[in-house]
Protein backbone atom coordinates (compact mmCIF):
# COMPACT_ATOMS: atom_id res chain seq x y z
CA MET A 1 139.47 77.55 71.81
CA ALA A 2 141.56 78.12 68.95
CA PHE A 3 145.24 79.57 67.38
CA CYS A 4 146.75 81.02 65.01
CA THR A 5 148.69 78.50 62.36
CA ARG A 6 151.11 81.18 61.06
CA CYS A 7 152.17 82.11 64.89
CA GLY A 8 150.41 79.89 67.52
CA SER A 9 148.59 83.24 69.34
CA GLN A 10 145.40 82.27 71.52
CA LEU A 11 142.70 83.68 68.45
CA ILE A 12 139.70 85.82 69.68
CA MET A 13 136.36 84.45 68.59
CA ASN A 14 135.33 86.24 64.91
CA ALA A 15 138.45 87.59 64.46
CA ARG A 16 139.45 88.26 61.18
CA PHE A 17 143.17 88.68 61.99
CA CYS A 18 145.73 87.46 64.71
CA ALA A 19 146.36 89.89 67.37
CA GLY A 20 149.97 87.99 67.56
CA CYS A 21 150.93 88.27 63.62
CA GLY A 22 148.40 90.10 62.02
CA ALA A 23 147.94 87.50 59.41
CA GLN A 24 144.30 86.77 58.27
CA VAL A 25 142.24 84.06 59.75
CA PRO A 26 138.98 81.90 58.70
CA GLY A 27 137.24 81.39 61.70
CA GLY A 28 137.61 81.34 65.67
CA PRO A 29 136.35 79.54 68.98
CA ARG A 30 132.71 78.67 69.20
CA HIS A 31 132.53 80.25 72.88
CA PRO A 32 133.59 83.96 74.05
CA ALA A 33 137.50 83.71 75.59
CA PRO A 34 138.72 86.75 77.43
CA VAL A 35 140.84 89.62 76.01
CA GLN A 36 144.24 88.88 76.31
CA GLN A 37 147.66 91.12 76.56
CA GLN A 38 148.98 90.52 73.26
CA SER A 39 152.46 91.39 71.59
CA MET A 40 152.80 94.50 69.60
CA ASN A 41 155.17 93.40 67.16
CA ASN A 42 153.59 93.14 64.51
CA THR A 43 150.30 94.90 64.75
CA SER A 44 149.02 96.83 61.64
CA LYS A 45 150.39 100.56 61.34
CA TYR A 46 147.30 101.16 59.25
CA GLU A 47 145.11 100.09 62.83
CA LEU A 48 147.13 102.26 65.08
CA ASP A 49 146.65 105.20 62.53
CA LEU A 50 143.07 104.68 62.58
CA VAL A 51 143.42 104.91 66.60
CA LYS A 52 145.98 107.71 66.74
CA ARG A 53 143.27 109.66 63.68
CA ALA A 54 140.10 108.92 65.94
CA GLU A 55 141.96 109.90 69.18
CA GLU A 56 142.57 113.77 67.56
CA GLY A 57 138.84 113.93 66.88
CA ASP A 58 138.62 112.92 62.58
CA SER A 59 135.19 111.50 61.85
CA ASP A 60 136.36 109.44 59.22
CA ALA A 61 138.59 107.61 61.76
CA ILE A 62 135.59 107.67 64.11
CA SER A 63 133.88 106.27 61.41
CA ALA A 64 135.45 103.54 60.58
CA LEU A 65 136.51 101.88 63.85
CA SER A 66 132.66 102.03 64.39
CA GLU A 67 132.12 99.33 61.90
CA LEU A 68 134.15 96.94 63.31
CA ASN A 69 132.57 93.70 65.34
CA HIS A 70 133.07 93.57 68.61
CA VAL A 71 136.10 90.91 68.66
CA GLU A 72 138.08 92.80 65.76
CA ALA A 73 137.24 96.35 67.81
CA ALA A 74 138.18 94.52 71.32
CA ARG A 75 141.88 93.52 69.17
CA LEU A 76 142.37 96.90 68.18
CA TYR A 77 142.05 98.77 71.06
CA LEU A 78 144.17 96.06 73.25
CA ASN A 79 146.56 96.63 71.07
CA ALA A 80 146.84 100.25 71.06
CA ALA A 81 145.66 100.10 74.52
CA ASN A 82 149.15 99.06 75.43
CA VAL A 83 150.62 101.56 73.27
CA GLY A 84 148.92 103.87 75.50
CA TYR A 85 146.58 105.46 73.29
CA ALA A 86 143.58 106.84 75.58
CA PHE A 87 140.86 106.55 73.03
CA ALA A 88 141.42 103.16 72.32
CA GLN A 89 141.53 102.35 76.43
CA ASN A 90 138.21 103.75 77.34
CA LYS A 91 136.67 102.47 74.26
CA LEU A 92 138.09 99.15 75.53
CA ALA A 93 137.23 99.88 78.62
CA ASN A 94 133.59 100.31 77.32
CA ILE A 95 133.68 96.59 75.52
CA LEU A 96 135.00 94.79 78.49
CA ILE A 97 132.74 96.21 81.56
CA ASP A 98 129.60 94.39 80.20
CA GLY A 99 131.27 92.16 78.20
CA GLU A 100 129.66 92.04 74.52
CA ASP A 101 129.54 89.84 71.83
CA GLY A 102 131.85 87.25 71.62
CA VAL A 103 134.08 89.20 74.04
CA ALA A 104 133.79 87.96 78.00
CA GLN A 105 133.22 90.42 80.56
CA ASP A 106 136.11 91.77 82.34
CA VAL A 107 135.30 94.13 85.49
CA ASP A 108 138.65 94.66 86.53
CA GLN A 109 140.28 95.20 83.37
CA ALA A 110 137.77 97.68 82.16
CA ILE A 111 138.60 99.81 85.44
CA HIS A 112 141.85 99.39 84.89
CA TRP A 113 141.94 100.73 81.57
CA TYR A 114 139.28 103.76 82.22
CA THR A 115 141.56 104.70 84.80
CA GLU A 116 145.01 104.76 82.41
CA SER A 117 142.49 106.29 80.30
CA ALA A 118 141.58 108.97 82.75
CA LYS A 119 145.17 109.65 84.10
CA GLN A 120 146.05 110.54 80.69
CA GLY A 121 142.53 113.61 80.60
CA ARG A 122 140.61 111.67 78.60
CA ALA A 123 136.95 113.26 79.69
CA GLY A 124 134.65 110.51 78.56
CA ALA A 125 137.00 107.78 80.54
CA GLN A 126 137.09 110.16 83.82
CA TYR A 127 133.40 110.41 82.77
CA ASN A 128 132.86 106.40 82.75
CA LEU A 129 134.98 105.46 85.40
CA ALA A 130 133.29 108.18 87.72
CA MET A 131 129.75 106.75 86.96
CA GLN A 132 130.99 103.03 87.97
CA TYR A 133 132.41 104.45 91.44
CA TYR A 134 128.94 106.23 91.68
CA LYS A 135 126.71 103.89 90.79
CA GLY A 136 128.03 101.11 92.62
CA ARG A 137 126.73 97.79 90.57
CA LEU A 138 129.95 96.32 89.87
CA ILE A 139 132.23 98.20 91.85
CA ASP A 140 132.49 98.81 95.64
CA GLN A 141 130.45 102.32 95.58
CA ASP A 142 132.92 105.32 96.22
CA TYR A 143 131.61 108.86 96.32
CA GLU A 144 134.41 110.43 96.90
CA LYS A 145 136.22 108.95 94.06
CA ALA A 146 133.32 109.43 91.77
CA MET A 147 133.21 112.61 93.22
CA TYR A 148 137.24 113.67 91.92
CA TRP A 149 136.87 112.09 88.42
CA PHE A 150 133.64 114.08 88.02
CA ALA A 151 135.55 117.38 89.46
CA LYS A 152 138.15 115.93 86.15
CA ALA A 153 135.72 115.25 83.83
CA ALA A 154 133.88 118.99 84.38
CA GLU A 155 137.26 120.90 84.21
CA GLN A 156 137.34 119.56 80.66
CA GLY A 157 133.40 120.80 80.35
CA ASP A 158 131.22 118.05 80.41
CA ALA A 159 127.91 118.70 81.07
CA ASP A 160 127.07 115.05 82.90
CA ALA A 161 130.05 115.86 85.07
CA PHE A 162 128.60 119.38 86.48
CA TYR A 163 125.01 117.69 86.97
CA TYR A 164 126.54 114.79 89.08
CA LEU A 165 128.83 117.42 90.61
CA GLY A 166 125.66 119.03 91.47
CA CYS A 167 124.45 116.32 93.17
CA GLY A 168 127.37 115.05 95.26
CA TYR A 169 126.94 118.56 97.08
CA PHE A 170 123.02 118.63 97.27
CA PHE A 171 122.40 115.40 98.48
CA GLU A 172 125.95 114.73 100.15
CA GLU A 173 127.45 111.89 98.31
CA GLY A 174 131.38 112.08 98.41
CA TYR A 175 130.66 116.28 99.02
CA PRO A 176 129.58 117.94 102.78
CA LEU A 177 126.28 119.03 102.28
CA ASP A 178 126.01 122.32 100.21
CA LEU A 179 122.68 123.28 98.53
CA ASN A 180 123.37 126.44 97.27
CA LYS A 181 127.12 124.92 95.61
CA GLY A 182 124.24 122.13 94.82
CA LEU A 183 121.91 124.40 92.94
CA GLU A 184 125.11 126.14 91.28
CA LEU A 185 126.22 123.46 89.80
CA TRP A 186 123.00 122.32 88.27
CA GLU A 187 122.55 125.59 87.03
CA LYS A 188 125.58 125.64 84.85
CA ALA A 189 124.89 121.74 83.74
CA VAL A 190 121.54 123.28 82.47
CA GLU A 191 123.04 125.81 80.63
CA MET A 192 125.48 123.37 78.88
CA GLY A 193 121.89 121.54 77.70
CA ASN A 194 122.02 118.81 80.43
CA THR A 195 118.63 117.20 80.96
CA ASP A 196 118.42 115.44 84.16
CA ALA A 197 120.07 118.67 85.87
CA THR A 198 116.96 120.78 84.18
CA PHE A 199 114.61 118.07 85.07
CA MET A 200 116.16 118.42 88.74
CA LEU A 201 116.23 122.14 89.61
CA ALA A 202 112.78 122.26 88.25
CA LEU A 203 111.65 119.74 90.83
CA THR A 204 113.88 121.32 93.40
CA TYR A 205 111.86 125.03 92.72
CA TYR A 206 108.64 123.17 92.35
CA LYS A 207 108.41 121.20 95.71
CA GLY A 208 110.91 124.14 97.75
CA THR A 209 113.30 121.73 98.41
CA GLY A 210 116.89 123.92 99.30
CA VAL A 211 115.48 127.02 97.89
CA GLU A 212 112.76 129.02 97.79
CA GLU A 213 109.23 127.07 96.16
CA ASN A 214 109.18 129.08 92.50
CA ILE A 215 106.07 127.58 90.59
CA ASP A 216 106.39 130.08 87.77
CA ARG A 217 110.59 129.06 86.84
CA ALA A 218 109.81 125.11 87.83
CA PHE A 219 106.98 125.02 84.90
CA SER A 220 109.59 126.62 82.12
CA LEU A 221 112.00 124.35 83.48
CA PHE A 222 109.91 121.12 82.92
CA GLN A 223 108.51 122.69 79.90
CA LYS A 224 112.52 122.51 79.01
CA ALA A 225 112.97 119.08 79.76
CA ALA A 226 109.91 117.72 78.65
CA ASP A 227 110.80 119.11 75.10
CA ALA A 228 113.98 117.79 75.53
CA GLY A 229 112.27 113.91 76.24
CA ASP A 230 112.09 113.74 79.53
CA LEU A 231 109.06 111.38 80.63
CA ARG A 232 109.44 112.11 83.70
CA ALA A 233 109.64 115.92 83.20
CA MET A 234 106.11 115.31 81.38
CA HIS A 235 104.62 113.54 83.99
CA TYR A 236 105.43 116.50 86.45
CA LEU A 237 104.29 119.02 83.51
CA GLY A 238 101.15 117.23 83.40
CA ASP A 239 100.08 117.72 87.25
CA CYS A 240 101.12 121.30 86.46
CA PHE A 241 98.03 121.38 83.87
CA LYS A 242 95.95 119.32 86.02
CA LEU A 243 96.73 121.52 89.33
CA GLY A 244 97.01 125.19 87.35
CA HIS A 245 100.43 125.52 88.88
CA GLY A 246 102.73 128.05 86.63
CA THR A 247 99.85 127.79 83.98
CA SER A 248 96.25 127.96 83.02
CA PRO A 249 94.63 124.41 84.34
CA ASN A 250 93.69 122.26 81.15
CA VAL A 251 92.87 118.64 81.94
CA ASN A 252 92.84 117.75 78.39
CA ARG A 253 96.65 118.98 78.02
CA SER A 254 97.51 117.58 81.23
CA PHE A 255 96.16 113.63 79.52
CA GLU A 256 98.56 114.29 76.45
CA LEU A 257 101.40 114.85 78.80
CA TYR A 258 100.56 111.46 80.90
CA SER A 259 99.60 109.76 77.67
CA LYS A 260 102.95 110.48 75.97
CA SER A 261 104.91 109.46 79.07
CA ALA A 262 103.08 106.23 79.69
CA GLU A 263 103.19 105.44 76.07
CA GLU A 264 107.31 105.43 76.44
CA GLY A 265 107.23 103.41 79.55
CA ASN A 266 107.26 106.02 82.29
CA SER A 267 105.85 104.49 85.37
CA ASP A 268 104.61 107.69 87.58
CA GLY A 269 103.28 108.73 83.94
CA GLN A 270 101.14 105.64 83.50
CA TYR A 271 100.28 105.39 87.07
CA LYS A 272 98.88 109.06 86.45
CA LEU A 273 97.23 108.24 83.63
CA ALA A 274 95.69 105.40 85.08
CA LEU A 275 93.95 108.27 87.52
CA CYS A 276 92.72 110.23 84.72
CA TYR A 277 90.82 107.52 83.75
CA ILE A 278 89.12 106.49 86.73
CA ASN A 279 88.45 109.95 87.43
CA GLY A 280 87.71 110.79 83.84
CA LEU A 281 90.00 113.78 83.87
CA GLY A 282 90.81 114.75 80.43
CA THR A 283 89.17 111.79 79.00
CA ASN A 284 85.71 109.48 79.68
CA GLU A 285 85.86 107.21 82.49
CA ASP A 286 87.24 103.82 81.84
CA ALA A 287 87.50 101.23 84.63
CA GLU A 288 89.42 98.66 81.63
CA LYS A 289 92.06 100.95 80.65
CA ALA A 290 92.58 102.19 84.27
CA PHE A 291 93.47 98.62 85.31
CA PHE A 292 95.30 98.34 81.91
CA TRP A 293 97.63 101.23 82.74
CA PHE A 294 97.54 100.71 87.14
CA THR A 295 99.14 97.00 86.17
CA ARG A 296 101.21 98.55 83.20
CA SER A 297 102.75 101.24 86.13
CA ALA A 298 102.64 98.28 88.83
CA GLU A 299 105.31 96.19 86.83
CA ASN A 300 108.14 98.69 85.91
CA GLY A 301 107.94 98.63 89.39
CA ASN A 302 105.85 101.57 91.07
CA LEU A 303 104.42 100.37 94.51
CA ALA A 304 101.45 103.43 94.20
CA PRO A 305 99.28 101.90 91.76
CA HIS A 306 98.82 98.49 93.88
CA TYR A 307 96.31 100.77 96.37
CA TYR A 308 93.88 100.60 93.16
CA LEU A 309 94.37 97.31 91.91
CA GLY A 310 93.98 95.52 95.11
CA GLN A 311 90.77 97.41 95.32
CA MET A 312 89.73 96.92 91.88
CA TYR A 313 90.32 92.98 91.89
CA GLU A 314 88.56 93.39 95.28
CA MET A 315 85.39 94.75 93.45
CA GLY A 316 85.72 93.44 90.31
CA LEU A 317 86.10 97.05 88.35
CA GLY A 318 87.53 96.63 84.98
CA THR A 319 89.08 93.35 85.58
CA SER A 320 87.30 89.93 87.00
CA GLU A 321 86.62 89.81 91.22
CA ASN A 322 89.66 87.77 92.42
CA TYR A 323 90.19 88.14 95.98
CA ASP A 324 92.83 86.32 95.99
CA ALA A 325 95.10 88.62 93.15
CA ALA A 326 93.86 91.55 95.47
CA ILE A 327 95.66 90.41 98.79
CA ALA A 328 98.66 90.05 96.49
CA HIS A 329 98.18 93.68 95.34
CA TYR A 330 97.36 95.16 99.09
CA LYS A 331 100.67 93.26 100.39
CA GLN A 332 102.90 95.79 98.18
CA VAL A 333 100.74 99.20 98.83
CA PRO A 334 103.52 101.87 100.02
CA ASP A 335 104.01 102.29 103.96
CA ALA A 336 101.52 105.59 103.68
CA ASP A 337 98.76 103.33 103.35
CA ARG A 338 99.59 100.12 105.04
CA ALA A 339 97.42 100.16 107.51
CA PHE A 340 94.16 100.50 105.22
CA ALA A 341 95.73 97.89 103.08
CA CYS A 342 96.48 95.08 106.50
CA ARG A 343 92.52 95.36 107.40
CA LYS A 344 91.41 95.27 103.43
CA ILE A 345 94.11 91.43 103.58
CA GLY A 346 91.90 90.92 107.01
CA ASN A 347 88.93 91.68 105.70
CA LEU A 348 89.38 89.26 102.14
CA LEU A 349 90.21 86.37 104.15
CA VAL A 350 87.38 86.30 107.15
CA ALA A 351 85.28 86.22 103.88
CA GLN A 352 86.96 83.63 102.48
CA GLY A 353 86.67 82.07 105.67
CA ARG A 354 90.48 81.74 106.69
CA HIS A 355 90.04 83.52 110.35
CA SER A 356 93.38 82.22 111.90
CA GLU A 357 95.09 84.20 108.46
CA SER A 358 93.08 87.54 109.65
CA TRP A 359 94.71 88.15 113.37
CA ASP A 360 98.04 88.74 112.20
CA TRP A 361 96.88 91.97 109.57
CA TYR A 362 93.99 92.76 111.83
CA LEU A 363 96.97 93.43 114.53
CA GLU A 364 99.97 94.83 112.48
CA ALA A 365 96.26 97.06 111.23
CA ARG A 366 95.79 97.80 114.66
CA ASP A 367 99.35 98.92 115.51
CA LEU A 368 99.49 100.81 112.38
CA GLY A 369 96.76 103.15 114.30
CA ASP A 370 93.32 101.57 111.87
CA GLU A 371 89.98 101.77 114.04
CA GLU A 372 88.57 100.18 111.29
CA GLY A 373 91.52 97.38 112.39
CA LYS A 374 91.19 97.25 115.81
CA GLN A 375 87.08 96.89 115.75
CA ALA A 376 87.66 93.92 113.40
CA LEU A 377 90.18 92.01 115.23
CA ALA A 378 88.31 92.57 118.62
CA GLN A 379 84.91 91.36 116.37
CA GLU A 380 87.23 88.11 115.45
CA SER A 381 87.99 87.44 118.90
CA PHE A 382 84.34 88.11 119.73
CA SER A 383 83.17 85.63 116.58
CA CYS A 384 86.17 82.80 117.99
CA ILE A 385 83.75 81.79 121.00
CA GLY A 386 81.12 80.90 118.05
CA ARG A 387 83.71 79.05 115.90
CA ASN A 388 85.19 77.22 119.16
CA GLU A 389 88.21 78.88 118.57
CA GLN A 390 88.43 81.13 121.49
CA ASN A 391 91.76 78.93 122.27
CA VAL A 392 92.79 79.07 119.46
CA PHE A 393 92.90 83.09 119.17
CA ALA A 394 94.02 83.06 122.50
CA GLU A 395 97.56 80.88 121.69
CA TRP A 396 97.38 83.02 118.58
CA ALA A 397 97.98 85.93 120.91
CA ASP A 398 100.15 84.76 123.47
CA LYS A 399 102.42 84.10 120.48
CA ALA A 400 102.42 87.11 118.63
CA SER A 401 103.04 89.22 121.58
CA GLU A 402 106.18 87.98 121.77
CA ASN A 403 107.15 89.96 119.08
CA GLY A 404 107.08 93.16 120.91
CA SER A 405 103.75 94.48 119.89
CA GLU A 406 101.82 95.92 122.89
CA ASN A 407 98.39 95.19 121.20
CA ALA A 408 98.80 91.85 120.76
CA VAL A 409 99.93 91.69 124.73
CA PHE A 410 96.75 93.61 125.61
CA LEU A 411 94.91 90.89 123.77
CA ALA A 412 97.12 88.36 124.93
CA ALA A 413 96.35 89.44 128.13
CA VAL A 414 92.29 89.74 127.46
CA SER A 415 91.59 86.52 125.39
CA LEU A 416 94.33 83.60 127.37
CA ALA A 417 91.96 85.07 130.85
CA ALA A 418 88.53 84.51 128.61
CA SER A 419 89.79 81.28 127.50
CA GLY A 420 90.68 80.74 131.45
CA ASP A 421 87.31 81.27 132.64
CA THR A 422 85.86 79.38 129.94
CA LEU A 423 87.54 76.28 130.44
CA ILE A 424 86.78 77.04 134.42
CA HIS A 425 82.89 77.47 133.88
CA PHE A 426 81.97 75.07 130.82
CA GLY A 427 84.88 73.13 130.24
CA GLY A 428 86.30 72.27 133.97
CA ASP A 429 89.47 71.87 132.54
CA PHE A 430 91.32 73.70 135.44
CA ILE A 431 95.00 72.53 134.61
CA ARG A 432 94.53 73.84 131.51
CA ALA A 433 93.01 77.20 132.78
CA ILE A 434 95.50 78.00 135.38
CA LYS A 435 97.87 77.58 132.39
CA TYR A 436 96.31 80.39 130.32
CA LEU A 437 95.84 82.34 133.59
CA ASN A 438 99.45 82.31 134.48
CA LYS A 439 99.97 83.55 130.67
CA SER A 440 97.99 86.08 130.73
CA LYS A 441 98.79 87.06 134.16
CA LYS A 442 102.81 87.53 132.41
CA TRP A 443 101.22 89.74 129.95
CA TYR A 444 99.43 91.94 132.72
CA GLU A 445 102.40 92.68 134.20
CA LYS A 446 104.44 93.55 130.84
CA LEU A 447 101.67 95.77 130.12
CA TYR A 448 101.62 97.54 133.46
CA GLN A 449 105.30 97.75 133.53
CA ASN A 450 104.38 100.67 130.49
CA ASP A 451 100.87 102.11 132.22
CA GLY A 452 100.66 101.08 135.80
CA GLU A 453 98.02 103.98 136.61
CA SER A 454 95.93 102.46 134.25
CA ALA A 455 92.58 101.36 135.64
CA GLU A 456 91.98 99.43 132.73
CA LEU A 457 94.69 97.38 133.56
CA GLN A 458 94.47 96.98 137.13
CA ASP A 459 90.73 95.64 136.59
CA ILE A 460 92.01 92.55 134.21
CA TYR A 461 94.49 92.02 136.67
CA ASN A 462 91.91 91.74 139.77
CA GLY A 463 90.11 89.84 137.06
CA ILE A 464 92.97 87.26 136.44
CA ASN A 465 93.51 87.03 140.21
CA ASP A 466 89.58 86.29 140.42
CA SER A 467 89.67 83.59 137.90
CA LEU A 468 92.36 81.32 139.46
CA GLY A 469 91.12 81.28 142.48
CA ASP A 470 88.19 80.16 141.04
CA ALA A 471 90.66 77.35 139.28
CA PHE A 472 92.23 76.31 142.24
CA PHE A 473 88.67 75.65 143.92
CA GLY A 474 87.53 73.92 141.37
CA LEU A 475 90.64 71.57 142.04
CA GLY A 476 89.80 71.30 146.20
CA HIS A 477 92.95 73.52 146.41
CA TYR A 478 91.51 76.40 148.95
CA ASP A 479 94.34 77.67 150.32
CA ASP A 480 95.60 78.32 146.59
CA ALA A 481 92.22 79.74 145.99
CA ILE A 482 92.32 81.80 149.07
CA SER A 483 95.79 83.23 148.12
CA TYR A 484 94.29 84.50 144.29
CA TYR A 485 90.87 85.51 145.76
CA ARG A 486 92.98 88.13 148.34
CA LEU A 487 95.02 89.27 145.22
CA SER A 488 91.58 90.37 143.57
CA ASP A 489 89.97 93.45 144.21
CA LYS A 490 86.75 91.94 142.34
CA LEU A 491 83.57 91.92 144.70
CA ASN A 492 83.36 88.02 143.30
CA ALA A 493 86.69 87.32 144.91
CA THR A 494 85.50 89.46 148.31
CA ILE A 495 82.22 86.89 148.11
CA LYS A 496 83.71 84.20 147.47
CA MET A 497 86.64 84.16 149.92
CA GLY A 498 83.53 84.95 152.31
CA ARG A 499 82.04 81.23 151.83
CA LEU A 500 84.70 79.89 152.16
CA SER A 501 85.83 80.86 155.50
CA ILE A 502 82.37 80.19 156.71
CA GLU A 503 82.10 76.92 155.39
CA LYS A 504 85.48 76.79 157.17
CA LYS A 505 87.49 75.63 154.40
CA LEU A 506 90.42 78.06 154.97
CA GLY A 507 92.97 75.41 155.54
CA LYS A 508 96.32 77.57 156.57
CA TRP A 509 94.35 80.93 155.82
CA ASN A 510 92.57 79.90 159.04
CA THR A 511 94.20 82.41 161.08
CA ASP A 512 92.69 84.65 163.18
CA SER A 513 94.48 87.82 161.33
CA GLU A 514 93.16 86.52 157.80
CA ARG A 515 89.75 85.81 158.84
CA THR A 516 89.97 89.74 160.02
CA MET A 517 91.27 90.38 156.45
CA ILE A 518 88.04 88.62 155.23
CA SER A 519 85.63 90.24 157.24
CA ASN A 520 86.80 93.36 156.98
CA ARG A 521 86.48 93.29 153.28
CA HIS A 522 82.97 92.36 153.34
CA ILE A 523 82.41 94.93 157.09
CA ASN A 524 84.09 97.96 154.23
CA LEU A 525 82.42 97.31 151.76
CA LEU A 526 78.25 97.71 153.68
CA SER A 527 79.88 100.71 155.63
CA GLY A 528 78.73 104.42 155.47
CA ASN A 529 76.65 105.74 153.04
CA ASP A 530 77.77 105.44 149.79
CA VAL A 531 77.06 101.46 149.83
CA ASP A 532 76.71 101.67 146.05
CA GLN A 533 78.69 103.98 145.01
CA ARG A 534 81.33 101.47 145.95
CA LEU A 535 79.88 98.89 144.59
CA GLU A 536 79.93 100.15 141.35
CA ALA A 537 83.13 101.23 141.77
CA ASN A 538 84.64 97.34 142.65
CA SER A 539 82.28 96.18 139.51
CA PRO A 540 81.57 98.79 136.91
CA GLY A 541 79.14 98.40 134.26
CA TYR A 542 76.91 95.85 136.12
CA SER A 543 73.24 96.50 136.46
CA GLU A 544 71.19 97.57 139.64
CA ASP A 545 69.67 94.26 140.18
CA ALA A 546 73.09 92.92 140.19
CA TYR A 547 74.23 95.52 143.01
CA GLN A 548 71.30 94.15 145.07
CA SER A 549 72.86 90.89 144.25
CA PHE A 550 76.25 91.07 145.65
CA LYS A 551 75.17 93.46 148.45
CA ALA A 552 72.82 90.79 149.33
CA GLN A 553 75.71 88.01 149.15
CA ILE A 554 77.90 90.00 151.36
CA TYR A 555 75.14 90.49 154.22
CA PHE A 556 74.75 86.63 154.12
CA ASN A 557 78.60 86.23 154.27
CA LEU A 558 78.64 88.76 156.90
CA GLY A 559 75.72 86.76 159.10
CA GLY A 560 77.60 83.89 158.85
CA MET A 561 81.05 85.48 160.24
CA TYR A 562 79.29 86.89 163.15
CA GLN A 563 76.81 83.78 164.21
CA TRP A 564 79.95 81.66 164.40
CA GLY A 565 82.74 84.63 165.02
CA ILE A 566 84.81 84.10 161.85
CA GLY A 567 87.17 87.40 161.63
CA VAL A 568 84.92 89.26 164.24
CA LEU A 569 83.38 88.82 167.55
CA GLN A 570 80.68 86.24 167.81
CA ASP A 571 77.12 88.34 167.70
CA THR A 572 73.74 86.45 167.22
CA GLN A 573 71.91 89.69 166.90
CA LYS A 574 74.45 90.86 163.87
CA ALA A 575 73.86 87.99 162.39
CA TYR A 576 70.53 88.03 162.26
CA ASN A 577 70.36 91.24 161.22
CA SER A 578 73.24 90.67 158.69
CA PHE A 579 70.52 87.39 157.24
CA LEU A 580 67.52 89.76 157.77
CA GLU A 581 69.17 92.24 155.51
CA ALA A 582 70.16 89.80 152.90
CA ARG A 583 66.72 88.46 152.66
CA ASN A 584 65.43 91.88 151.70
CA LEU A 585 67.22 92.13 149.24
CA GLY A 586 66.18 88.92 147.65
CA LEU A 587 68.65 85.80 148.34
CA GLU A 588 66.22 82.89 148.67
CA SER A 589 69.01 81.20 151.33
CA ALA A 590 69.48 83.65 153.71
CA ALA A 591 65.07 83.20 154.59
CA GLY A 592 66.40 79.42 155.43
CA MET A 593 69.31 80.65 158.08
CA LEU A 594 66.38 83.13 159.63
CA SER A 595 64.34 80.19 160.32
CA LYS A 596 67.01 79.06 162.74
CA TYR A 597 66.71 81.75 165.19
CA LYS A 598 64.31 82.09 168.22
CA LYS A 599 63.52 85.63 169.75
CA LYS A 600 64.25 85.78 173.20
CA VAL A 601 62.02 86.80 176.05
CA PHE A 602 63.83 90.07 177.00
CA GLY A 603 64.41 91.25 173.25
CA GLY A 604 67.33 89.76 171.12
CA TYR A 605 67.40 86.58 169.04
CA GLU A 606 69.21 82.98 169.18
CA TYR A 607 70.41 80.82 167.14
CA VAL A 608 68.63 77.59 167.60
CA GLY A 609 70.24 75.19 164.73
């Protein structure tokens, strides 16, 4: 810090005069310092007169003040602001709001001086204060206060204030929604030459928002705004010429407008220009130029180009092929193209051998309704078997289900069940299989709560219980095996219960009622004239040979039940007939059982062991 050698006041950096006594100062501090409230005892009369003349609109005075550096201006305006000059208060606030060279930012002081100036009726200060409340960049956003001060500025003929008042009514910002009032205020601002209002009114008529669509009026207003240099209007005017809206189609003129808008930095114009190059509209096709302008548009915050940049990096179009860059762009596409992008990311990850990373993306694509993403995820689930990643996939689906995705829940139910089956039949890891199958059952039950009528879900549930029975059977826990077989409506489960019953491994199930339940299942499957239909209903998708095999096993089990009176009255003749049916259906073991029967003299058969 530095201080005046004459009066001891703190000096403002780079000031040529002391704010305390007016003495000339050769230098100042090296670092920005906040503007302090200073005494006016020795303020230069000439400087105050200059401010007064500027406040009254004297162009020479305004010009002289504009030549001051920011530190000198801050000193002069501070002293004049303390005296009460509204012009100086507004100017000082302009310097303090963001901080200028040599003057530290002081938002609170800036708002204070804007308010003081606005209260005195300074239109510029009223507008500036309103903008601070409207944007909420440096202070809390407050639409009501913003509209209050915009209204004050508009009363003094500020065209920009009329535009923002229109926004207040049209977008319900500080005012109740009133589209007609908003349009009326925009029309007033247009008459006064406000370009923002001209563009917004054009857009409103173009899209028919709150007013009847009027393409001719929209075209005229877009033309007016574009002539005034509005880059947004230029690219919409380009759309009008491309589509023939309000004028004759002219792709060459469209290309010119997009080019001008793009070169001036408008991201939408850059995007539209890139589309011209990629499609050859108004110019020759040029993938490299398309890539350049898509990139510029994306760098300026436009999300739309990411859809194309992802594909261009993926295919090496207009640039070198780069899957990682393609993935990065696909991740940023707008919501409308999100499903497509998720599937594309999954595809690129699979192409790089990063299979497990692809699953979340395919799942999101599936959740968003992308059929190809659904098929890709199903293919990944299947291909995991060949990569020995079936259990990894199942555990991923189990974890993904916790986020509430119904598709993930379904995948978890199916893949965990499949992993459980694999562990039973190929790994002999019954304990781990039971863990997976119980998790599968949990997710099935969640699905069933939402869709209890689904035959597909019921089939999954039956299959899970059947597999749990197999796992407990493998552990030698026959009672538990029977418990799960009983819960399943699968033919396999019925047959396995029958084998356990005739092998007399029923344990606590070895009661008349339970044995009768098992035998009745067999009898019911074979009763009536619709045996094949019953089998098909229980096991859809099986071949005719499989049907015959199932029937043979059911007849074989039933033969054992009749032979030893398990759940039915003992009946040697029915036992023989059942084994005979089984043999005729191709079951070799049934022939061995038939060899143990001897025909009686007076008809019928007896079991001789």
